[in-house]
Amino acid sequence: MEQPQAPAGSVEPPPPQIRNFPTGPGLWRIDWFGLVMFPDRVMRARQPSVLVYLSLVVAPNALTDPSVLLKPDATMARRQTKRWVSVGTLMLLRIGDIWSDQKPVASPDYESAVFEKLQISRETTDLIKAGVSLDKGLFLLPLGEHPWHGENTHSYCLRVQLPDGRSIVVPCMELIRFYFGSSSALLSRLFDSPLLKANLFSNVIFNPKSQWMSLDLAEGLPRASASDVARIAGSHTAWLAALRIVTSCLKASTAGQDIYPQAVFPFEGLTDLAATGKWLSLGGQANQTFLVYHLDVCTHEFPFNSVRYRTFNERKRRSSVTPGTGAEAKPKVVTKTGKATEPGLVEQDASTTLSETQVPVWRKRHFPDLDRKKLVGRRNLTKPPPIVSSGPAAPPVTEVAVGDPGSSKRVRSVMLAESAPLQELGMPDFLKSVVKAMEGLDRFEVSLLTASDDDGWTVPVELLNDGDGVIANELFIERDGHSQQRRAAAFGLSHQSEHAVLVVLEGEQLIPLVYPVDQAGLQDPWPALRCAAQDFVSKVTHPNRIDVAFYNGDTPSQREAIRGWIRDLWD
């Protein structure tokens, strides 16, 4: 099974510093996840934290020879350091990863395992505690071979029984990270009681025949979480898995017990799993239990073929940058010394008065089934009124925090969201004049209907063929020396009770194509995209049929020409 890799030439954005982690040049290994609670209600009352156990690496050459880290004496496991980190930060943390001076420096290659045609069901899985002993006093996770969970023997893991009698053991916090860790916002909500479906999604429409789904993400959830939320919306098993996280925490809290979250797989059935961890012995036999440090690949199918989703107020408090341009990457602040520095994550509630920012985190989860499916979002492009500032400029904000804001501290709220590598981000050049023109339409509501995972803006144009199965050459374009499908973007335009879909295809000249629709038509742009592919071929093949065209360039005159043409459509 292929492991997920970044595309060639891509640059993984560095995650923010975690200010609660150890400072200095030492190497610290994440050993385990402990209790979940509010350790300091004065500083943080809006989101619980998880206690992360780390130990100092003492084995030589640990970064160049990861195999030494499998030895129990590779770190100072008996003198672990414990640090509280907000649960929304869990998407950045994996057991076994190495951190130094509050930043990740390595994700070592421990032992890898691929389990094919693995049956996930109530009969093959069971929740256990990390310190559980089996018959004859045998420990599933023997401390002599794996001392790093020793302080958390009551934490929960999920055991999967293999047909040959061996077992896979997955810490519940890793299950939560892998299957729901698309954004800090989603993770935060799964620990917030009571968890209601309305906190995650609404207005679900599902076609059982085509497996087509449409839904609205709850306010504040980013498009990065669309696939995770759609799985929950489309599967009762996935919903129960999400619900179990918060209910297990609430049950333990009510009983006055230590809070260790429980988690299960969000599906039942066959899957292939690829994981990184360590094989442990049982009863004197080697390689009987595979302890998962982190899951890498899961092939189980999602309960949909395509998803149309809509986000609401995702950027309500965010810095005013154009989505997809790369400007929403982690901001730098300039200190009094004139040096740029990265804001660090702190264990405090963020300010209610500072705008929110978003930090893209390169995806470290891989679900091959999603590679074959369409997830396209709708995003509002209508700009809010500008905020007019008065008085002297405030000092730069050097600290950020995940979770809902709820303080007056100079701590900025931050959204960690799974993202493609940076080279894939950014608005395509052929759309810049169109988008800027539409942002200046004062009496229209404008939304992007094709906010894809590819670049945040476009989808491949529909490939149409004639009766002989021949695909029109006009639907391809030369890019980087290769012939590729043209990209297309669809925009929803609304003015009072009238609605239309505007489609723009990639090309040397822009031929905007407009299709009147009703309100429901804004939910599904595919009919308009299919018509646009046909009309585009017709107009390019027969130039006399072109009603209007614009040159492909981003200038004030170009934007005003497009803006005037759109206004004329309604006059």
Protein backbone atom coordinates (compact mmCIF):
# COMPACT_ATOMS: atom_id res chain seq x y z
CA MET A 1 0.00 0.00 0.00
CA GLU A 2 1.39 3.40 -0.96
CA GLN A 3 2.15 5.83 1.83
CA PRO A 4 1.04 9.45 1.44
CA GLN A 5 3.74 11.71 0.08
CA ALA A 6 3.98 15.38 -0.70
CA PRO A 7 4.04 16.24 -4.40
CA ALA A 8 7.47 16.89 -5.86
CA GLY A 9 8.61 20.42 -5.28
CA SER A 10 6.03 21.15 -2.61
CA VAL A 11 6.91 22.85 0.63
CA GLU A 12 5.34 21.71 3.85
CA PRO A 13 4.30 24.74 5.91
CA PRO A 14 5.94 24.69 9.34
CA PRO A 15 3.42 24.22 12.16
CA PRO A 16 3.29 26.82 14.91
CA GLN A 17 5.42 26.53 17.98
CA ILE A 18 3.77 24.98 21.02
CA ARG A 19 4.84 27.29 23.81
CA ASN A 20 4.00 24.76 26.53
CA PHE A 21 6.55 22.26 25.15
CA PRO A 22 10.15 22.19 26.41
CA THR A 23 12.59 24.82 25.16
CA GLY A 24 16.24 24.38 24.32
CA PRO A 25 18.18 22.11 21.94
CA GLY A 26 17.20 18.78 23.52
CA LEU A 27 15.19 16.18 21.59
CA TRP A 28 11.83 15.30 23.13
CA ARG A 29 9.76 12.31 22.05
CA ILE A 30 5.96 12.34 22.35
CA ASP A 31 5.33 9.17 24.37
CA TRP A 32 1.60 9.10 25.12
CA PHE A 33 -1.57 11.11 25.70
CA GLY A 34 -2.98 11.29 29.21
CA LEU A 35 -5.87 12.99 30.98
CA VAL A 36 -8.29 15.42 29.39
CA MET A 37 -9.53 18.25 31.59
CA PHE A 38 -9.48 22.00 32.25
CA PRO A 39 -6.16 22.32 34.14
CA ASP A 40 -6.47 26.08 34.69
CA ARG A 41 -9.97 27.56 34.45
CA VAL A 42 -8.60 31.07 34.95
CA MET A 43 -6.45 30.96 31.80
CA ARG A 44 -8.55 28.58 29.66
CA ALA A 45 -12.24 27.97 30.15
CA ARG A 46 -13.40 27.62 26.54
CA GLN A 47 -11.68 24.35 25.63
CA PRO A 48 -10.25 21.40 27.59
CA SER A 49 -6.66 20.28 27.27
CA VAL A 50 -4.91 16.94 27.03
CA LEU A 51 -1.85 16.05 29.08
CA VAL A 52 0.98 15.14 26.71
CA TYR A 53 3.79 12.91 28.02
CA LEU A 54 7.26 13.52 26.57
CA SER A 55 10.66 12.07 27.39
CA LEU A 56 14.16 13.29 26.62
CA VAL A 57 15.94 11.32 23.90
CA VAL A 58 19.31 10.03 25.14
CA ALA A 59 20.13 7.47 22.44
CA PRO A 60 22.91 8.66 20.11
CA ASN A 61 22.18 9.16 16.41
CA ALA A 62 18.44 9.02 17.02
CA LEU A 63 17.68 11.31 14.08
CA THR A 64 19.82 9.37 11.62
CA ASP A 65 19.03 5.86 12.91
CA PRO A 66 15.38 5.73 14.04
CA SER A 67 15.68 2.04 14.97
CA VAL A 68 17.45 3.00 18.20
CA LEU A 69 14.26 4.72 19.35
CA LEU A 70 12.50 1.36 19.57
CA LYS A 71 14.69 0.39 22.52
CA PRO A 72 13.16 1.08 25.95
CA ASP A 73 16.28 2.92 27.13
CA ALA A 74 16.33 5.25 24.08
CA THR A 75 14.68 7.99 26.13
CA MET A 76 14.39 8.88 29.79
CA ALA A 77 11.00 7.14 30.00
CA ARG A 78 11.06 7.00 33.81
CA ARG A 79 11.44 10.78 34.05
CA GLN A 80 8.78 11.98 31.64
CA THR A 81 7.81 15.62 31.24
CA LYS A 82 4.08 16.38 31.25
CA ARG A 83 2.66 19.35 29.34
CA TRP A 84 -0.94 20.48 28.82
CA VAL A 85 -2.01 21.19 25.24
CA SER A 86 -5.46 22.20 23.99
CA VAL A 87 -7.40 19.33 22.42
CA GLY A 88 -7.69 21.28 19.16
CA THR A 89 -3.91 21.04 18.83
CA LEU A 90 -4.13 17.24 18.69
CA MET A 91 -3.98 17.35 14.88
CA LEU A 92 -0.33 18.43 15.17
CA LEU A 93 0.69 15.67 17.59
CA ARG A 94 1.56 12.03 17.00
CA ILE A 95 3.06 9.46 19.33
CA GLY A 96 6.72 8.91 18.49
CA ASP A 97 7.34 12.28 16.84
CA ILE A 98 10.42 14.21 17.98
CA TRP A 99 10.21 17.85 19.06
CA SER A 100 12.95 20.30 19.93
CA ASP A 101 12.67 23.86 21.20
CA GLN A 102 8.87 23.72 20.88
CA LYS A 103 8.97 22.68 17.21
CA PRO A 104 8.70 19.28 15.45
CA VAL A 105 11.99 18.09 13.99
CA ALA A 106 11.40 14.47 12.98
CA SER A 107 8.77 11.79 12.46
CA PRO A 108 10.98 8.69 12.72
CA ASP A 109 10.42 5.54 10.72
CA TYR A 110 9.65 3.06 13.47
CA GLU A 111 8.17 -0.28 12.43
CA SER A 112 5.63 -0.15 9.62
CA ALA A 113 2.81 -2.60 9.13
CA VAL A 114 0.07 -3.05 6.53
CA PHE A 115 -3.04 -5.02 7.45
CA GLU A 116 -5.06 -5.95 4.39
CA LYS A 117 -8.74 -6.89 4.34
CA LEU A 118 -9.03 -6.13 8.03
CA GLN A 119 -12.52 -6.78 9.40
CA ILE A 120 -13.77 -3.99 11.66
CA SER A 121 -16.83 -4.95 13.67
CA ARG A 122 -18.09 -5.25 17.24
CA GLU A 123 -16.94 -8.86 17.23
CA THR A 124 -13.35 -8.07 16.19
CA THR A 125 -12.76 -4.90 18.23
CA ASP A 126 -12.97 -4.09 21.91
CA LEU A 127 -12.03 -1.16 24.14
CA ILE A 128 -9.26 -1.92 26.60
CA LYS A 129 -7.11 0.02 29.01
CA ALA A 130 -3.44 0.42 28.19
CA GLY A 131 -2.45 -1.55 31.28
CA VAL A 132 -4.80 -4.48 30.72
CA SER A 133 -3.56 -7.96 31.55
CA LEU A 134 -4.90 -11.08 29.84
CA ASP A 135 -5.15 -14.61 31.10
CA LYS A 136 -2.17 -15.92 33.05
CA GLY A 137 -1.16 -12.33 33.95
CA LEU A 138 0.20 -11.51 30.53
CA PHE A 139 0.20 -7.80 29.70
CA LEU A 140 -0.87 -6.80 26.21
CA LEU A 141 1.54 -3.83 26.37
CA PRO A 142 4.44 -5.08 28.53
CA LEU A 143 6.22 -2.22 30.29
CA GLY A 144 9.56 -3.95 29.86
CA GLU A 145 9.30 -3.48 26.09
CA HIS A 146 7.23 -0.30 26.05
CA PRO A 147 7.68 1.80 29.20
CA TRP A 148 6.31 5.01 27.68
CA HIS A 149 2.63 4.44 28.62
CA GLY A 150 3.49 3.51 32.20
CA GLU A 151 1.94 6.64 33.74
CA ASN A 152 -1.30 6.14 31.79
CA THR A 153 -2.24 2.50 32.20
CA HIS A 154 -5.89 3.57 32.60
CA SER A 155 -5.99 5.37 29.24
CA TYR A 156 -8.14 3.71 26.60
CA CYS A 157 -7.03 1.88 23.47
CA LEU A 158 -8.98 -0.03 20.84
CA ARG A 159 -7.84 -3.58 20.20
CA VAL A 160 -8.45 -5.19 16.81
CA GLN A 161 -8.17 -8.97 16.77
CA LEU A 162 -6.41 -10.44 13.74
CA PRO A 163 -7.45 -13.78 12.19
CA ASP A 164 -4.14 -15.39 13.21
CA GLY A 165 -4.65 -14.58 16.89
CA ARG A 166 -2.43 -11.49 16.99
CA SER A 167 -3.71 -8.01 17.82
CA ILE A 168 -3.50 -4.39 16.78
CA VAL A 169 -3.76 -1.84 19.59
CA VAL A 170 -4.59 1.77 18.71
CA PRO A 171 -4.57 4.47 21.42
CA CYS A 172 -7.98 6.16 21.37
CA MET A 173 -6.44 9.61 21.04
CA GLU A 174 -4.77 8.46 17.81
CA LEU A 175 -8.11 7.22 16.48
CA ILE A 176 -9.56 10.66 17.20
CA ARG A 177 -6.65 12.45 15.54
CA PHE A 178 -6.64 10.33 12.42
CA TYR A 179 -10.36 10.11 11.70
CA PHE A 180 -11.45 13.55 12.89
CA GLY A 181 -8.26 15.63 12.86
CA SER A 182 -8.94 17.71 9.76
CA SER A 183 -9.14 20.95 11.75
CA SER A 184 -8.73 22.23 15.28
CA ALA A 185 -12.34 23.48 15.11
CA LEU A 186 -13.77 20.00 14.50
CA LEU A 187 -11.61 18.41 17.18
CA SER A 188 -12.66 21.08 19.66
CA ARG A 189 -16.35 20.43 19.05
CA LEU A 190 -16.01 16.70 19.59
CA PHE A 191 -14.95 17.42 23.17
CA ASP A 192 -17.65 20.03 23.80
CA SER A 193 -20.76 18.76 25.57
CA PRO A 194 -23.50 18.43 24.52
CA LEU A 195 -22.54 17.40 20.99
CA LEU A 196 -25.49 17.93 18.65
CA LYS A 197 -25.63 17.25 14.93
CA ALA A 198 -26.44 20.93 14.44
CA ASN A 199 -22.97 21.71 15.87
CA LEU A 200 -21.49 19.91 12.87
CA PHE A 201 -23.90 20.08 9.92
CA SER A 202 -27.41 20.85 8.70
CA ASN A 203 -29.62 20.68 5.59
CA VAL A 204 -28.39 17.27 4.48
CA ILE A 205 -29.67 16.04 1.12
CA PHE A 206 -28.67 12.54 0.01
CA ASN A 207 -29.46 10.66 -3.17
CA PRO A 208 -29.12 6.91 -2.40
CA LYS A 209 -28.93 5.99 -6.09
CA SER A 210 -26.10 8.32 -7.08
CA GLN A 211 -24.60 8.57 -3.56
CA TRP A 212 -24.63 12.36 -4.00
CA MET A 213 -24.71 14.44 -0.83
CA SER A 214 -25.28 18.09 -0.13
CA LEU A 215 -24.89 19.66 3.31
CA ASP A 216 -24.10 22.84 5.15
CA LEU A 217 -21.13 22.81 7.53
CA ALA A 218 -21.94 24.36 10.89
CA GLU A 219 -20.77 27.92 11.38
CA GLY A 220 -17.05 28.13 12.01
CA LEU A 221 -16.08 24.75 10.53
CA PRO A 222 -13.65 25.06 7.60
CA ARG A 223 -13.91 23.33 4.26
CA ALA A 224 -10.94 21.17 5.31
CA SER A 225 -13.36 19.25 7.56
CA ALA A 226 -15.98 18.65 4.84
CA SER A 227 -15.10 14.98 4.27
CA ASP A 228 -14.99 14.16 7.99
CA VAL A 229 -18.30 15.89 8.63
CA ALA A 230 -19.90 14.32 5.54
CA ARG A 231 -18.89 10.88 6.83
CA ILE A 232 -20.60 11.67 10.14
CA ALA A 233 -23.68 13.00 8.34
CA GLY A 234 -23.93 10.00 6.03
CA SER A 235 -23.24 7.18 8.47
CA HIS A 236 -24.97 6.42 11.77
CA THR A 237 -21.90 4.43 12.81
CA ALA A 238 -19.66 7.45 12.24
CA TRP A 239 -22.05 9.68 14.20
CA LEU A 240 -22.00 7.28 17.15
CA ALA A 241 -18.20 7.19 16.98
CA ALA A 242 -18.04 10.98 17.16
CA LEU A 243 -20.63 11.07 19.94
CA ARG A 244 -18.74 8.51 21.99
CA ILE A 245 -15.78 10.84 22.43
CA VAL A 246 -17.67 13.52 24.33
CA THR A 247 -20.08 11.17 26.11
CA SER A 248 -17.21 9.08 27.50
CA CYS A 249 -15.56 12.24 28.82
CA LEU A 250 -18.84 13.46 30.35
CA LYS A 251 -19.53 10.08 31.96
CA ALA A 252 -16.10 9.97 33.60
CA SER A 253 -16.39 13.58 34.78
CA THR A 254 -19.84 13.00 36.28
CA ALA A 255 -18.53 9.94 38.14
CA GLY A 256 -15.56 11.92 39.48
CA GLN A 257 -13.10 9.72 37.61
CA ASP A 258 -10.02 10.63 35.58
CA ILE A 259 -11.11 11.58 32.07
CA TYR A 260 -9.62 9.33 29.42
CA PRO A 261 -11.57 9.60 26.12
CA GLN A 262 -12.92 6.51 24.42
CA ALA A 263 -13.01 6.15 20.64
CA VAL A 264 -13.90 3.56 18.00
CA PHE A 265 -13.61 3.34 14.22
CA PRO A 266 -16.21 5.50 12.42
CA PHE A 267 -17.21 2.56 10.21
CA GLU A 268 -17.71 -1.19 10.13
CA GLY A 269 -16.55 -3.53 7.40
CA LEU A 270 -13.39 -4.35 5.48
CA THR A 271 -10.45 -2.00 5.19
CA ASP A 272 -6.72 -1.96 4.59
CA LEU A 273 -4.78 -0.16 7.31
CA ALA A 274 -1.21 1.09 7.14
CA ALA A 275 0.33 2.16 10.43
CA THR A 276 3.59 3.03 12.13
CA GLY A 277 4.41 1.72 15.60
CA LYS A 278 6.12 -1.13 17.39
CA TRP A 279 5.62 -4.89 17.53
CA LEU A 280 5.45 -6.26 21.08
CA SER A 281 5.69 -9.80 22.37
CA LEU A 282 3.08 -11.78 24.28
CA GLY A 283 3.73 -14.86 26.40
CA GLY A 284 7.29 -15.16 25.14
CA GLN A 285 6.26 -15.02 21.48
CA ALA A 286 7.59 -12.09 19.47
CA ASN A 287 5.52 -9.84 17.19
CA GLN A 288 2.12 -10.65 18.71
CA THR A 289 0.79 -7.14 19.35
CA PHE A 290 1.30 -4.19 17.03
CA LEU A 291 1.04 -0.98 19.06
CA VAL A 292 0.10 1.85 16.70
CA TYR A 293 1.92 5.14 17.17
CA HIS A 294 0.09 6.70 14.25
CA LEU A 295 -2.25 5.51 11.52
CA ASP A 296 -1.12 6.38 7.99
CA VAL A 297 -3.65 4.99 5.51
CA CYS A 298 -7.21 3.70 5.71
CA THR A 299 -8.95 2.47 2.57
CA HIS A 300 -12.52 2.05 3.86
CA GLU A 301 -15.04 3.80 1.61
CA PHE A 302 -16.76 6.99 2.64
CA PRO A 303 -20.61 6.91 2.54
CA PHE A 304 -20.87 9.12 -0.56
CA ASN A 305 -19.62 9.46 -4.13
CA SER A 306 -19.63 13.24 -4.23
CA VAL A 307 -20.31 16.03 -1.77
CA ARG A 308 -21.50 19.58 -2.27
CA TYR A 309 -20.94 21.54 0.92
CA ARG A 310 -21.39 25.10 2.02
CA THR A 311 -19.43 26.95 4.70
CA PHE A 312 -20.82 29.73 6.85
CA ASN A 313 -18.85 32.57 8.39
CA GLU A 314 -15.69 30.49 8.29
CA ARG A 315 -13.76 33.76 8.03
CA LYS A 316 -15.95 35.75 10.40
CA ARG A 317 -13.09 36.84 12.63
CA ARG A 318 -10.25 36.02 10.28
CA SER A 319 -7.73 38.46 8.93
CA SER A 320 -9.00 40.05 5.70
CA VAL A 321 -7.10 38.06 3.07
CA THR A 322 -8.43 36.57 -0.13
CA PRO A 323 -9.01 32.82 0.36
CA GLY A 324 -6.68 30.52 -1.50
CA THR A 325 -4.06 33.17 -2.26
CA GLY A 326 -1.59 31.85 0.27
CA ALA A 327 -1.93 35.05 2.31
CA GLU A 328 -3.81 33.11 4.95
CA ALA A 329 -0.71 31.12 5.82
CA LYS A 330 0.69 31.49 9.30
CA PRO A 331 1.48 35.17 9.93
CA LYS A 332 4.81 36.47 11.07
CA VAL A 333 5.11 39.30 13.56
CA VAL A 334 8.01 41.72 13.80
CA THR A 335 9.54 42.25 17.22
CA LYS A 336 11.25 45.38 18.50
CA THR A 337 14.56 43.96 17.28
CA GLY A 338 13.21 44.04 13.73
CA LYS A 339 13.33 40.24 13.40
CA ALA A 340 10.34 38.28 12.13
CA THR A 341 9.12 35.55 14.45
CA GLU A 342 6.40 32.95 14.36
CA PRO A 343 3.47 33.29 16.77
CA GLY A 344 3.29 30.43 19.24
CA LEU A 345 0.33 28.40 20.51
CA VAL A 346 -0.39 29.13 24.15
CA GLU A 347 -2.67 27.59 26.75
CA GLN A 348 -5.02 30.55 27.09
CA ASP A 349 -8.39 31.60 25.76
CA ALA A 350 -8.01 33.90 22.78
CA SER A 351 -9.25 37.48 22.70
CA THR A 352 -12.81 38.20 21.64
CA THR A 353 -11.72 41.45 19.95
CA LEU A 354 -8.85 40.26 17.73
CA SER A 355 -9.50 38.90 14.24
CA GLU A 356 -9.00 35.19 13.68
CA THR A 357 -6.24 33.79 11.48
CA GLN A 358 -5.83 30.40 9.83
CA VAL A 359 -2.74 28.22 9.72
CA PRO A 360 -2.60 25.55 7.00
CA VAL A 361 -1.27 22.21 8.19
CA TRP A 362 -0.08 19.83 5.48
CA ARG A 363 -2.27 16.74 5.59
CA LYS A 364 -0.80 13.73 7.35
CA ARG A 365 -3.87 11.53 6.96
CA HIS A 366 -4.58 9.52 3.86
CA PHE A 367 -7.87 8.07 2.69
CA PRO A 368 -7.40 6.74 -0.87
CA ASP A 369 -11.17 6.54 -1.35
CA LEU A 370 -11.35 10.34 -1.35
CA ASP A 371 -8.93 10.48 -4.29
CA ARG A 372 -11.72 9.11 -6.46
CA LYS A 373 -14.50 11.34 -5.19
CA LYS A 374 -15.58 14.93 -5.67
CA LEU A 375 -15.81 17.31 -2.74
CA VAL A 376 -16.75 20.77 -3.89
CA GLY A 377 -17.73 23.62 -1.64
CA ARG A 378 -19.60 26.88 -1.79
CA ARG A 379 -17.96 29.94 -0.28
CA ASN A 380 -19.32 33.44 0.04
CA LEU A 381 -17.19 36.03 -1.78
CA THR A 382 -19.18 39.11 -0.75
CA LYS A 383 -16.83 41.27 1.26
CA PRO A 384 -17.93 42.53 4.69
CA PRO A 385 -17.72 46.27 5.41
CA PRO A 386 -14.15 47.32 6.17
CA ILE A 387 -13.17 47.85 9.78
CA VAL A 388 -11.95 51.40 10.31
CA SER A 389 -9.25 51.66 12.93
CA SER A 390 -8.58 54.79 14.94
CA GLY A 391 -5.81 55.68 17.32
CA PRO A 392 -2.19 54.51 17.41
CA ALA A 393 -1.21 51.14 16.03
CA ALA A 394 -1.28 48.32 18.58
CA PRO A 395 1.84 46.21 19.23
CA PRO A 396 2.07 42.96 17.23
CA VAL A 397 0.31 39.89 18.59
CA THR A 398 2.91 37.20 19.31
CA GLU A 399 0.64 34.51 20.79
CA VAL A 400 -2.22 32.50 19.28
CA ALA A 401 -4.64 29.94 20.69
CA VAL A 402 -7.04 27.39 19.23
CA GLY A 403 -10.63 27.17 20.38
CA ASP A 404 -13.40 29.71 20.86
CA PRO A 405 -12.24 33.12 22.11
CA GLY A 406 -13.28 34.21 25.55
CA SER A 407 -10.81 36.65 27.10
CA SER A 408 -9.36 40.13 26.85
CA LYS A 409 -5.76 38.89 26.56
CA ARG A 410 -3.65 39.84 23.54
CA VAL A 411 -3.93 36.32 22.17
CA ARG A 412 -5.23 35.84 18.64
CA SER A 413 -7.66 33.04 17.82
CA VAL A 414 -6.21 30.61 15.27
CA MET A 415 -7.76 27.89 13.14
CA LEU A 416 -5.52 24.94 12.33
CA ALA A 417 -6.84 23.37 9.13
CA GLU A 418 -5.60 20.47 7.05
CA SER A 419 -4.37 21.66 3.70
CA ALA A 420 -2.64 20.55 0.54
CA PRO A 421 1.07 21.44 0.17
CA LEU A 422 1.68 25.12 -0.43
CA GLN A 423 2.41 24.79 -4.15
CA GLU A 424 -1.24 23.80 -4.69
CA LEU A 425 -2.62 26.85 -2.91
CA GLY A 426 -3.45 30.12 -4.60
CA MET A 427 -6.07 31.58 -6.89
CA PRO A 428 -5.51 30.65 -10.56
CA ASP A 429 -4.36 33.65 -12.59
CA PHE A 430 -7.23 33.43 -15.06
CA LEU A 431 -9.74 34.06 -12.25
CA LYS A 432 -8.12 37.07 -10.60
CA SER A 433 -9.81 39.79 -12.63
CA VAL A 434 -13.15 37.96 -12.47
CA VAL A 435 -13.08 37.55 -8.70
CA LYS A 436 -11.96 41.11 -8.06
CA ALA A 437 -14.67 42.37 -10.39
CA MET A 438 -17.38 40.44 -8.58
CA GLU A 439 -16.14 41.54 -5.17
CA GLY A 440 -16.96 45.08 -6.30
CA LEU A 441 -20.61 44.32 -7.15
CA ASP A 442 -22.39 46.24 -4.43
CA ARG A 443 -25.93 44.94 -5.04
CA PHE A 444 -25.16 41.29 -5.67
CA GLU A 445 -24.49 38.36 -3.40
CA VAL A 446 -21.64 36.38 -4.91
CA SER A 447 -20.48 32.90 -3.90
CA LEU A 448 -17.90 30.48 -5.25
CA LEU A 449 -19.55 27.14 -6.06
CA THR A 450 -16.41 25.15 -6.93
CA ALA A 451 -14.20 25.47 -3.84
CA SER A 452 -12.38 22.19 -4.52
CA ASP A 453 -9.59 20.51 -2.59
CA ASP A 454 -7.32 20.90 -5.64
CA ASP A 455 -6.71 24.63 -5.48
CA GLY A 456 -9.66 25.98 -3.53
CA TRP A 457 -11.24 27.50 -6.64
CA THR A 458 -11.70 25.23 -9.65
CA VAL A 459 -12.63 21.76 -10.86
CA PRO A 460 -11.63 19.93 -14.06
CA VAL A 461 -13.99 20.74 -16.89
CA GLU A 462 -16.49 18.03 -17.81
CA LEU A 463 -15.09 15.86 -20.62
CA LEU A 464 -17.78 15.46 -23.26
CA ASN A 465 -17.65 13.18 -26.28
CA ASP A 466 -19.59 12.95 -29.49
CA GLY A 467 -21.52 9.91 -30.63
CA ASP A 468 -18.28 8.23 -31.70
CA GLY A 469 -16.65 8.66 -28.29
CA VAL A 470 -14.28 11.41 -29.42
CA ILE A 471 -13.52 14.04 -26.75
CA ALA A 472 -13.31 17.61 -27.98
CA ASN A 473 -9.74 18.92 -28.14
CA GLU A 474 -10.99 22.34 -27.03
CA LEU A 475 -11.52 20.96 -23.51
CA PHE A 476 -7.77 20.49 -23.09
CA ILE A 477 -5.02 23.04 -22.60
CA GLU A 478 -1.22 22.92 -22.78
CA ARG A 479 0.25 23.33 -19.32
CA ASP A 480 3.89 22.71 -18.39
CA GLY A 481 4.45 20.95 -21.71
CA HIS A 482 1.56 18.54 -21.23
CA SER A 483 -2.01 18.46 -22.45
CA GLN A 484 -4.35 18.65 -19.44
CA GLN A 485 -8.03 19.22 -18.80
CA ARG A 486 -9.03 22.84 -18.60
CA ARG A 487 -10.08 24.06 -15.17
CA ALA A 488 -13.42 25.72 -14.61
CA ALA A 489 -14.90 27.83 -11.83
CA ALA A 490 -18.60 28.39 -11.15
CA PHE A 491 -19.95 31.38 -9.24
CA GLY A 492 -23.43 31.90 -7.85
CA LEU A 493 -24.89 35.36 -8.47
CA SER A 494 -28.00 36.51 -6.59
CA HIS A 495 -29.88 39.77 -6.85
CA GLN A 496 -33.17 39.97 -4.99
CA SER A 497 -35.18 36.95 -6.23
CA GLU A 498 -33.07 36.29 -9.34
CA HIS A 499 -30.19 33.82 -9.40
CA ALA A 500 -27.66 32.67 -11.97
CA VAL A 501 -24.55 30.53 -12.26
CA LEU A 502 -21.57 32.15 -13.97
CA VAL A 503 -19.00 29.71 -15.36
CA VAL A 504 -15.48 30.71 -16.39
CA LEU A 505 -13.16 28.25 -18.15
CA GLU A 506 -9.39 28.47 -18.23
CA GLY A 507 -8.07 29.89 -21.48
CA GLU A 508 -6.19 32.63 -23.29
CA GLN A 509 -9.42 34.57 -23.48
CA LEU A 510 -12.26 34.56 -20.97
CA ILE A 511 -15.68 33.61 -22.29
CA PRO A 512 -18.09 34.04 -19.35
CA LEU A 513 -21.15 31.80 -19.60
CA VAL A 514 -24.24 32.55 -17.55
CA TYR A 515 -27.14 30.21 -16.78
CA PRO A 516 -30.29 31.38 -14.94
CA VAL A 517 -31.24 29.06 -12.06
CA ASP A 518 -33.58 29.01 -9.09
CA GLN A 519 -32.41 29.07 -5.47
CA ALA A 520 -31.96 25.28 -5.48
CA GLY A 521 -29.80 25.56 -8.59
CA LEU A 522 -27.10 27.31 -6.56
CA GLN A 523 -26.68 24.12 -4.53
CA ASP A 524 -25.71 22.03 -7.54
CA PRO A 525 -23.52 23.71 -10.21
CA TRP A 526 -22.85 20.53 -12.20
CA PRO A 527 -25.67 21.00 -14.74
CA ALA A 528 -24.34 24.50 -15.50
CA LEU A 529 -20.76 23.17 -15.73
CA ARG A 530 -21.84 20.51 -18.20
CA CYS A 531 -23.68 23.07 -20.32
CA ALA A 532 -20.67 25.37 -20.14
CA ALA A 533 -18.38 22.66 -21.51
CA GLN A 534 -20.68 22.21 -24.52
CA ASP A 535 -21.11 25.95 -25.08
CA PHE A 536 -17.39 26.61 -24.67
CA VAL A 537 -16.53 24.10 -27.41
CA SER A 538 -19.21 25.58 -29.65
CA LYS A 539 -18.06 29.16 -29.19
CA VAL A 540 -14.35 28.35 -29.62
CA THR A 541 -15.05 26.27 -32.74
CA HIS A 542 -17.36 28.95 -34.16
CA PRO A 543 -16.04 32.36 -33.00
CA ASN A 544 -19.03 34.14 -34.53
CA ARG A 545 -21.13 32.60 -31.75
CA ILE A 546 -19.16 34.36 -29.01
CA ASP A 547 -21.48 36.87 -27.38
CA VAL A 548 -18.84 38.43 -25.15
CA ALA A 549 -15.20 37.71 -24.37
CA PHE A 550 -12.51 39.35 -22.27
CA TYR A 551 -8.78 39.14 -22.52
CA ASN A 552 -7.06 37.19 -19.77
CA GLY A 553 -5.43 39.91 -17.69
CA ASP A 554 -5.85 41.47 -14.28
CA THR A 555 -6.18 45.24 -14.68
CA PRO A 556 -8.63 47.84 -13.29
CA SER A 557 -10.14 48.35 -16.75
CA GLN A 558 -10.60 44.60 -17.19
CA ARG A 559 -12.36 44.31 -13.82
CA GLU A 560 -14.66 47.22 -14.58
CA ALA A 561 -15.53 45.75 -17.97
CA ILE A 562 -16.51 42.44 -16.38
CA ARG A 563 -18.38 44.23 -13.60
CA GLY A 564 -20.34 46.31 -16.09
CA TRP A 565 -21.21 43.27 -18.19
CA ILE A 566 -22.61 41.45 -15.13
CA ARG A 567 -24.70 44.49 -14.15
CA ASP A 568 -26.10 44.67 -17.67
CA LEU A 569 -27.39 41.11 -17.34
CA TRP A 570 -29.86 42.30 -14.72
CA ASP A 571 -30.79 45.60 -16.38
